[in-house]
Amino acid sequence: MIKKNKSERSQDFKADMQTIKKEDVRKLQETFRQFFGKNSDEMREQSSRLKNKIYFFGVVAIIFFVVIFYLTKNVNFVGI
């Protein structure tokens, strides 16, 4: 076994970027189908649920931080 130096290895390697891109797109689509479903109605329903959950938890987090901020600025704790 003969070891090649770095320049020889890089000359031998020829990446087919189009094939790599197609494979990445295929993997991404497969992941998307597993998460959201295979048909368009199921995808629409699942993505709508996910969007609503994100909005709900975002509003809850904002309300939580506003309450904490209000309490820390406007309430005097005894002994502190």
N, C-alpha and C. Protein backbone atom coordinates (compact mmCIF):
# COMPACT_ATOMS: atom_id res chain seq x y z
N MET A 1 0.84 -1.18 0.00
CA MET A 1 0.00 0.00 0.00
C MET A 1 0.88 1.24 0.00
N ILE A 2 0.67 2.07 -0.98
CA ILE A 2 1.46 3.29 -1.13
C ILE A 2 0.61 4.47 -0.69
N LYS A 3 1.15 5.27 0.24
CA LYS A 3 0.43 6.44 0.70
C LYS A 3 0.64 7.58 -0.28
N LYS A 4 -0.45 8.27 -0.57
CA LYS A 4 -0.37 9.43 -1.45
C LYS A 4 -0.34 10.69 -0.60
N ASN A 5 0.38 11.68 -1.08
CA ASN A 5 0.38 12.92 -0.32
C ASN A 5 -0.91 13.70 -0.60
N LYS A 6 -1.09 14.79 0.10
CA LYS A 6 -2.36 15.51 0.05
C LYS A 6 -2.69 16.02 -1.36
N SER A 7 -1.72 16.52 -2.07
CA SER A 7 -1.99 17.06 -3.41
C SER A 7 -2.40 15.96 -4.39
N GLU A 8 -1.81 14.79 -4.27
CA GLU A 8 -2.19 13.68 -5.15
C GLU A 8 -3.61 13.20 -4.85
N ARG A 9 -3.96 13.15 -3.56
CA ARG A 9 -5.31 12.73 -3.20
C ARG A 9 -6.34 13.72 -3.71
N SER A 10 -6.06 15.02 -3.60
CA SER A 10 -7.03 16.03 -4.04
C SER A 10 -7.17 16.02 -5.55
N GLN A 11 -6.13 15.65 -6.29
CA GLN A 11 -6.24 15.57 -7.74
C GLN A 11 -7.08 14.37 -8.17
N ASP A 12 -7.04 13.29 -7.39
CA ASP A 12 -7.81 12.10 -7.72
C ASP A 12 -9.30 12.28 -7.42
N PHE A 13 -9.61 13.10 -6.45
CA PHE A 13 -11.01 13.28 -6.03
C PHE A 13 -11.69 14.29 -6.94
N LYS A 14 -12.78 13.85 -7.56
CA LYS A 14 -13.58 14.74 -8.38
C LYS A 14 -15.02 14.60 -7.92
N ALA A 15 -15.49 15.62 -7.22
CA ALA A 15 -16.85 15.57 -6.67
C ALA A 15 -17.84 15.91 -7.77
N ASP A 16 -18.85 15.11 -7.86
CA ASP A 16 -19.95 15.40 -8.78
C ASP A 16 -20.99 16.16 -7.97
N MET A 17 -20.93 17.48 -8.00
CA MET A 17 -21.76 18.32 -7.15
C MET A 17 -23.24 18.13 -7.45
N GLN A 18 -23.59 17.88 -8.68
CA GLN A 18 -25.00 17.69 -9.05
C GLN A 18 -25.55 16.43 -8.38
N THR A 19 -24.78 15.36 -8.38
CA THR A 19 -25.21 14.12 -7.74
C THR A 19 -25.32 14.30 -6.23
N ILE A 20 -24.37 15.00 -5.64
CA ILE A 20 -24.41 15.27 -4.20
C ILE A 20 -25.63 16.11 -3.85
N LYS A 21 -25.93 17.11 -4.67
CA LYS A 21 -27.09 17.97 -4.42
C LYS A 21 -28.39 17.16 -4.53
N LYS A 22 -28.49 16.31 -5.55
CA LYS A 22 -29.69 15.48 -5.70
C LYS A 22 -29.89 14.55 -4.51
N GLU A 23 -28.80 13.98 -4.03
CA GLU A 23 -28.88 13.07 -2.88
C GLU A 23 -29.30 13.83 -1.62
N ASP A 24 -28.77 15.04 -1.43
CA ASP A 24 -29.17 15.86 -0.28
C ASP A 24 -30.65 16.23 -0.35
N VAL A 25 -31.12 16.58 -1.53
CA VAL A 25 -32.55 16.92 -1.70
C VAL A 25 -33.41 15.71 -1.41
N ARG A 26 -33.00 14.55 -1.88
CA ARG A 26 -33.76 13.32 -1.64
C ARG A 26 -33.84 13.01 -0.15
N LYS A 27 -32.72 13.14 0.55
CA LYS A 27 -32.70 12.88 1.99
C LYS A 27 -33.58 13.88 2.74
N LEU A 28 -33.53 15.13 2.34
CA LEU A 28 -34.35 16.16 2.97
C LEU A 28 -35.83 15.90 2.75
N GLN A 29 -36.20 15.51 1.54
CA GLN A 29 -37.60 15.20 1.24
C GLN A 29 -38.07 14.00 2.04
N GLU A 30 -37.23 12.99 2.18
CA GLU A 30 -37.59 11.81 2.96
C GLU A 30 -37.80 12.16 4.43
N THR A 31 -36.93 12.98 4.97
CA THR A 31 -37.09 13.43 6.35
C THR A 31 -38.37 14.23 6.51
N PHE A 32 -38.66 15.09 5.56
CA PHE A 32 -39.87 15.92 5.60
C PHE A 32 -41.11 15.03 5.55
N ARG A 33 -41.10 14.01 4.70
CA ARG A 33 -42.24 13.10 4.61
C ARG A 33 -42.45 12.33 5.89
N GLN A 34 -41.36 11.91 6.55
CA GLN A 34 -41.49 11.18 7.80
C GLN A 34 -42.07 12.05 8.90
N PHE A 35 -41.74 13.32 8.89
CA PHE A 35 -42.20 14.22 9.95
C PHE A 35 -43.61 14.73 9.70
N PHE A 36 -43.93 15.11 8.47
CA PHE A 36 -45.21 15.74 8.16
C PHE A 36 -46.22 14.82 7.49
N GLY A 37 -45.81 13.71 6.95
CA GLY A 37 -46.73 12.80 6.27
C GLY A 37 -46.47 12.77 4.78
N LYS A 38 -47.12 11.82 4.11
CA LYS A 38 -46.83 11.61 2.69
C LYS A 38 -47.72 12.41 1.74
N ASN A 39 -49.00 12.57 2.06
CA ASN A 39 -49.85 13.31 1.12
C ASN A 39 -49.97 14.78 1.53
N SER A 40 -50.43 15.61 0.62
CA SER A 40 -50.42 17.06 0.85
C SER A 40 -51.40 17.50 1.93
N ASP A 41 -52.56 16.82 2.04
CA ASP A 41 -53.52 17.20 3.08
C ASP A 41 -52.95 16.93 4.47
N GLU A 42 -52.30 15.80 4.61
CA GLU A 42 -51.68 15.46 5.90
C GLU A 42 -50.55 16.43 6.23
N MET A 43 -49.76 16.80 5.21
CA MET A 43 -48.68 17.77 5.42
C MET A 43 -49.23 19.11 5.87
N ARG A 44 -50.30 19.54 5.22
CA ARG A 44 -50.91 20.82 5.55
C ARG A 44 -51.42 20.83 6.99
N GLU A 45 -52.06 19.74 7.39
CA GLU A 45 -52.60 19.64 8.74
C GLU A 45 -51.49 19.63 9.79
N GLN A 46 -50.46 18.83 9.54
CA GLN A 46 -49.36 18.73 10.50
C GLN A 46 -48.59 20.04 10.61
N SER A 47 -48.34 20.70 9.48
CA SER A 47 -47.60 21.96 9.54
C SER A 47 -48.43 23.04 10.22
N SER A 48 -49.75 23.01 10.04
CA SER A 48 -50.62 23.97 10.72
C SER A 48 -50.59 23.75 12.23
N ARG A 49 -50.62 22.50 12.65
CA ARG A 49 -50.52 22.20 14.09
C ARG A 49 -49.19 22.67 14.66
N LEU A 50 -48.12 22.41 13.95
CA LEU A 50 -46.80 22.82 14.40
C LEU A 50 -46.70 24.34 14.51
N LYS A 51 -47.24 25.04 13.51
CA LYS A 51 -47.22 26.50 13.52
C LYS A 51 -48.01 27.04 14.70
N ASN A 52 -49.18 26.47 14.98
CA ASN A 52 -49.99 26.91 16.10
C ASN A 52 -49.30 26.66 17.44
N LYS A 53 -48.61 25.54 17.57
CA LYS A 53 -47.86 25.26 18.80
C LYS A 53 -46.74 26.26 19.00
N ILE A 54 -46.05 26.60 17.92
CA ILE A 54 -44.95 27.57 18.01
C ILE A 54 -45.49 28.93 18.44
N TYR A 55 -46.59 29.37 17.83
CA TYR A 55 -47.20 30.65 18.22
C TYR A 55 -47.64 30.63 19.67
N PHE A 56 -48.31 29.56 20.10
CA PHE A 56 -48.81 29.48 21.46
C PHE A 56 -47.67 29.55 22.48
N PHE A 57 -46.63 28.73 22.29
CA PHE A 57 -45.53 28.73 23.24
C PHE A 57 -44.72 30.03 23.17
N GLY A 58 -44.69 30.68 22.03
CA GLY A 58 -44.04 31.98 21.93
C GLY A 58 -44.78 33.03 22.75
N VAL A 59 -46.10 33.04 22.65
CA VAL A 59 -46.91 34.00 23.43
C VAL A 59 -46.77 33.71 24.92
N VAL A 60 -46.80 32.43 25.30
CA VAL A 60 -46.65 32.07 26.71
C VAL A 60 -45.29 32.51 27.23
N ALA A 61 -44.24 32.31 26.45
CA ALA A 61 -42.90 32.70 26.88
C ALA A 61 -42.79 34.22 27.02
N ILE A 62 -43.38 34.97 26.10
CA ILE A 62 -43.34 36.43 26.18
C ILE A 62 -44.08 36.91 27.42
N ILE A 63 -45.26 36.35 27.68
CA ILE A 63 -46.02 36.74 28.87
C ILE A 63 -45.22 36.41 30.13
N PHE A 64 -44.61 35.26 30.17
CA PHE A 64 -43.80 34.86 31.33
C PHE A 64 -42.67 35.85 31.57
N PHE A 65 -41.94 36.22 30.52
CA PHE A 65 -40.82 37.15 30.69
C PHE A 65 -41.29 38.55 31.07
N VAL A 66 -42.42 38.98 30.55
CA VAL A 66 -42.96 40.30 30.92
C VAL A 66 -43.35 40.31 32.39
N VAL A 67 -43.99 39.26 32.87
CA VAL A 67 -44.38 39.18 34.28
C VAL A 67 -43.15 39.17 35.17
N ILE A 68 -42.17 38.36 34.83
CA ILE A 68 -40.92 38.31 35.62
C ILE A 68 -40.24 39.68 35.63
N PHE A 69 -40.17 40.33 34.48
CA PHE A 69 -39.56 41.66 34.39
C PHE A 69 -40.32 42.66 35.25
N TYR A 70 -41.64 42.63 35.17
CA TYR A 70 -42.47 43.54 35.97
C TYR A 70 -42.25 43.30 37.46
N LEU A 71 -42.23 42.04 37.86
CA LEU A 71 -42.05 41.72 39.28
C LEU A 71 -40.68 42.14 39.80
N THR A 72 -39.66 41.98 38.99
CA THR A 72 -38.31 42.34 39.44
C THR A 72 -38.11 43.85 39.50
N LYS A 73 -38.84 44.61 38.69
CA LYS A 73 -38.66 46.07 38.67
C LYS A 73 -39.60 46.78 39.63
N ASN A 74 -40.81 46.25 39.86
CA ASN A 74 -41.81 47.01 40.58
C ASN A 74 -42.19 46.46 41.95
N VAL A 75 -41.71 45.30 42.33
CA VAL A 75 -42.06 44.73 43.61
C VAL A 75 -40.82 44.76 44.50
N ASN A 76 -40.96 45.35 45.69
CA ASN A 76 -39.86 45.37 46.64
C ASN A 76 -39.97 44.16 47.57
N PHE A 77 -38.96 43.35 47.56
CA PHE A 77 -38.95 42.16 48.40
C PHE A 77 -38.38 42.54 49.75
N VAL A 78 -39.01 42.09 50.81
CA VAL A 78 -38.58 42.39 52.17
C VAL A 78 -37.27 41.68 52.46
N GLY A 79 -36.32 42.43 52.95
CA GLY A 79 -35.04 41.83 53.34
C GLY A 79 -34.03 41.75 52.22
N ILE A 80 -34.37 42.20 51.06
CA ILE A 80 -33.40 42.13 49.95
C ILE A 80 -32.92 43.52 49.61
